[in-house]
Amino acid sequence: MPLTMLNNGEVGTITRIGGNEETRRFLNNLGFIVGEQVTVLSTIGGNVIVNVKDSRIAINEDMAKHIMI
């Protein structure tokens, strides 16, 4: 399921990152790597604030849909 399906406070492990090569590289550079744990801190209008690798990152809904948990 995509990252957008997690509720606030839930933790998931990244199983796959979709999208084209540029999108995958962008998310990888932010710390979204297969096997890494992600905690959803807040969701506002589809946009997601997550904690990954001890960093808070905000991504829009389109990017979050490429991250599979």
N, C-alpha and C. Protein backbone atom coordinates (compact mmCIF):
# COMPACT_ATOMS: atom_id res chain seq x y z
N MET A 1 0.84 -1.18 0.00
CA MET A 1 0.00 0.00 0.00
C MET A 1 0.89 1.24 0.00
N PRO A 2 0.39 2.35 -0.55
CA PRO A 2 1.20 3.57 -0.60
C PRO A 2 1.31 4.24 0.77
N LEU A 3 2.32 5.04 0.93
CA LEU A 3 2.56 5.76 2.18
C LEU A 3 1.36 6.61 2.59
N THR A 4 0.60 7.09 1.64
CA THR A 4 -0.56 7.95 1.93
C THR A 4 -1.64 7.21 2.72
N MET A 5 -1.60 5.89 2.76
CA MET A 5 -2.62 5.11 3.47
C MET A 5 -2.35 4.99 4.97
N LEU A 6 -1.13 5.34 5.43
CA LEU A 6 -0.82 5.26 6.85
C LEU A 6 -1.45 6.44 7.58
N ASN A 7 -1.88 6.19 8.81
CA ASN A 7 -2.45 7.24 9.65
C ASN A 7 -1.35 7.90 10.47
N ASN A 8 -1.66 9.03 11.07
CA ASN A 8 -0.69 9.73 11.92
C ASN A 8 -0.21 8.81 13.03
N GLY A 9 1.10 8.78 13.23
CA GLY A 9 1.70 7.97 14.29
C GLY A 9 2.04 6.55 13.88
N GLU A 10 1.56 6.10 12.74
CA GLU A 10 1.85 4.73 12.30
C GLU A 10 3.25 4.63 11.69
N VAL A 11 3.84 3.46 11.87
CA VAL A 11 5.18 3.20 11.35
C VAL A 11 5.07 2.12 10.28
N GLY A 12 5.82 2.30 9.19
CA GLY A 12 5.85 1.31 8.12
C GLY A 12 7.26 1.15 7.60
N THR A 13 7.50 0.04 6.95
CA THR A 13 8.80 -0.23 6.33
C THR A 13 8.64 -0.12 4.83
N ILE A 14 9.53 0.61 4.19
CA ILE A 14 9.46 0.81 2.75
C ILE A 14 9.79 -0.50 2.04
N THR A 15 8.88 -0.94 1.17
CA THR A 15 9.10 -2.19 0.44
C THR A 15 9.47 -1.93 -1.03
N ARG A 16 9.02 -0.79 -1.57
CA ARG A 16 9.30 -0.49 -2.97
C ARG A 16 9.11 1.00 -3.21
N ILE A 17 9.88 1.53 -4.14
CA ILE A 17 9.72 2.92 -4.56
C ILE A 17 9.47 2.92 -6.06
N GLY A 18 8.30 3.45 -6.45
CA GLY A 18 7.92 3.46 -7.85
C GLY A 18 8.24 4.78 -8.52
N GLY A 19 7.73 4.92 -9.72
CA GLY A 19 7.95 6.14 -10.49
C GLY A 19 9.09 5.99 -11.47
N ASN A 20 9.36 7.07 -12.19
CA ASN A 20 10.45 7.03 -13.15
C ASN A 20 11.80 7.15 -12.44
N GLU A 21 12.87 7.03 -13.17
CA GLU A 21 14.21 7.04 -12.59
C GLU A 21 14.49 8.32 -11.81
N GLU A 22 14.06 9.45 -12.35
CA GLU A 22 14.30 10.73 -11.69
C GLU A 22 13.56 10.80 -10.34
N THR A 23 12.33 10.33 -10.30
CA THR A 23 11.55 10.33 -9.06
C THR A 23 12.18 9.42 -8.03
N ARG A 24 12.58 8.21 -8.45
CA ARG A 24 13.21 7.27 -7.52
C ARG A 24 14.51 7.83 -6.96
N ARG A 25 15.30 8.47 -7.79
CA ARG A 25 16.57 9.06 -7.36
C ARG A 25 16.31 10.20 -6.36
N PHE A 26 15.31 11.04 -6.65
CA PHE A 26 14.97 12.15 -5.76
C PHE A 26 14.57 11.63 -4.37
N LEU A 27 13.68 10.64 -4.34
CA LEU A 27 13.24 10.08 -3.06
C LEU A 27 14.37 9.38 -2.34
N ASN A 28 15.23 8.70 -3.08
CA ASN A 28 16.39 8.03 -2.50
C ASN A 28 17.31 9.04 -1.84
N ASN A 29 17.52 10.18 -2.48
CA ASN A 29 18.38 11.23 -1.92
C ASN A 29 17.79 11.84 -0.65
N LEU A 30 16.48 11.81 -0.52
CA LEU A 30 15.83 12.31 0.69
C LEU A 30 15.92 11.31 1.85
N GLY A 31 16.27 10.06 1.56
CA GLY A 31 16.38 9.05 2.59
C GLY A 31 15.37 7.94 2.50
N PHE A 32 14.52 7.98 1.50
CA PHE A 32 13.51 6.93 1.31
C PHE A 32 14.16 5.77 0.57
N ILE A 33 14.62 4.78 1.35
CA ILE A 33 15.36 3.64 0.83
C ILE A 33 14.60 2.37 1.23
N VAL A 34 14.55 1.40 0.34
CA VAL A 34 13.87 0.13 0.63
C VAL A 34 14.45 -0.48 1.89
N GLY A 35 13.58 -0.87 2.81
CA GLY A 35 13.98 -1.46 4.07
C GLY A 35 14.02 -0.46 5.22
N GLU A 36 13.95 0.82 4.92
CA GLU A 36 14.00 1.86 5.94
C GLU A 36 12.62 2.05 6.58
N GLN A 37 12.58 2.34 7.87
CA GLN A 37 11.31 2.57 8.55
C GLN A 37 10.92 4.04 8.44
N VAL A 38 9.61 4.26 8.27
CA VAL A 38 9.05 5.60 8.11
C VAL A 38 7.92 5.76 9.12
N THR A 39 7.91 6.89 9.82
CA THR A 39 6.83 7.21 10.74
C THR A 39 6.08 8.43 10.22
N VAL A 40 4.77 8.30 10.09
CA VAL A 40 3.95 9.43 9.64
C VAL A 40 3.69 10.34 10.83
N LEU A 41 4.12 11.59 10.72
CA LEU A 41 3.92 12.56 11.79
C LEU A 41 2.64 13.35 11.60
N SER A 42 2.33 13.70 10.34
CA SER A 42 1.16 14.53 10.07
C SER A 42 0.74 14.38 8.61
N THR A 43 -0.55 14.47 8.37
CA THR A 43 -1.06 14.52 7.00
C THR A 43 -2.03 15.69 6.91
N ILE A 44 -1.80 16.54 5.93
CA ILE A 44 -2.65 17.72 5.72
C ILE A 44 -2.99 17.80 4.24
N GLY A 45 -4.24 17.55 3.92
CA GLY A 45 -4.68 17.64 2.53
C GLY A 45 -3.94 16.72 1.58
N GLY A 46 -3.53 15.55 2.06
CA GLY A 46 -2.81 14.61 1.22
C GLY A 46 -1.31 14.75 1.32
N ASN A 47 -0.82 15.93 1.71
CA ASN A 47 0.61 16.12 1.92
C ASN A 47 1.01 15.45 3.22
N VAL A 48 2.21 14.88 3.26
CA VAL A 48 2.63 14.05 4.38
C VAL A 48 3.93 14.58 4.97
N ILE A 49 3.99 14.64 6.30
CA ILE A 49 5.24 14.92 7.00
C ILE A 49 5.63 13.62 7.69
N VAL A 50 6.83 13.15 7.38
CA VAL A 50 7.29 11.86 7.90
C VAL A 50 8.63 12.02 8.60
N ASN A 51 8.93 11.04 9.42
CA ASN A 51 10.24 10.95 10.05
C ASN A 51 10.93 9.74 9.43
N VAL A 52 12.04 9.98 8.75
CA VAL A 52 12.81 8.91 8.13
C VAL A 52 14.29 9.20 8.37
N LYS A 53 15.01 8.20 8.85
CA LYS A 53 16.44 8.36 9.16
C LYS A 53 16.68 9.56 10.08
N ASP A 54 15.89 9.68 11.13
CA ASP A 54 16.01 10.76 12.12
C ASP A 54 15.89 12.15 11.52
N SER A 55 15.17 12.28 10.41
CA SER A 55 14.93 13.59 9.78
C SER A 55 13.45 13.73 9.49
N ARG A 56 12.94 14.95 9.64
CA ARG A 56 11.55 15.24 9.27
C ARG A 56 11.54 15.72 7.83
N ILE A 57 10.70 15.10 7.04
CA ILE A 57 10.61 15.44 5.62
C ILE A 57 9.14 15.60 5.24
N ALA A 58 8.85 16.66 4.50
CA ALA A 58 7.50 16.89 4.00
C ALA A 58 7.50 16.60 2.51
N ILE A 59 6.56 15.78 2.07
CA ILE A 59 6.43 15.47 0.64
C ILE A 59 4.96 15.61 0.25
N ASN A 60 4.75 15.91 -1.02
CA ASN A 60 3.36 16.07 -1.48
C ASN A 60 2.74 14.70 -1.75
N GLU A 61 1.45 14.71 -1.98
CA GLU A 61 0.69 13.46 -2.16
C GLU A 61 1.19 12.64 -3.34
N ASP A 62 1.55 13.32 -4.43
CA ASP A 62 2.02 12.59 -5.63
C ASP A 62 3.30 11.81 -5.33
N MET A 63 4.24 12.41 -4.62
CA MET A 63 5.47 11.71 -4.26
C MET A 63 5.20 10.60 -3.27
N ALA A 64 4.31 10.85 -2.31
CA ALA A 64 4.01 9.84 -1.29
C ALA A 64 3.38 8.60 -1.90
N LYS A 65 2.64 8.77 -2.99
CA LYS A 65 2.02 7.61 -3.64
C LYS A 65 3.04 6.69 -4.29
N HIS A 66 4.25 7.16 -4.55
CA HIS A 66 5.29 6.33 -5.14
C HIS A 66 6.00 5.46 -4.11
N ILE A 67 5.81 5.77 -2.83
CA ILE A 67 6.49 5.03 -1.75
C ILE A 67 5.53 3.95 -1.24
N MET A 68 5.91 2.70 -1.43
CA MET A 68 5.08 1.58 -1.01
C MET A 68 5.55 1.03 0.34
N ILE A 69 4.58 0.79 1.20
CA ILE A 69 4.85 0.29 2.55
C ILE A 69 4.41 -1.17 2.63
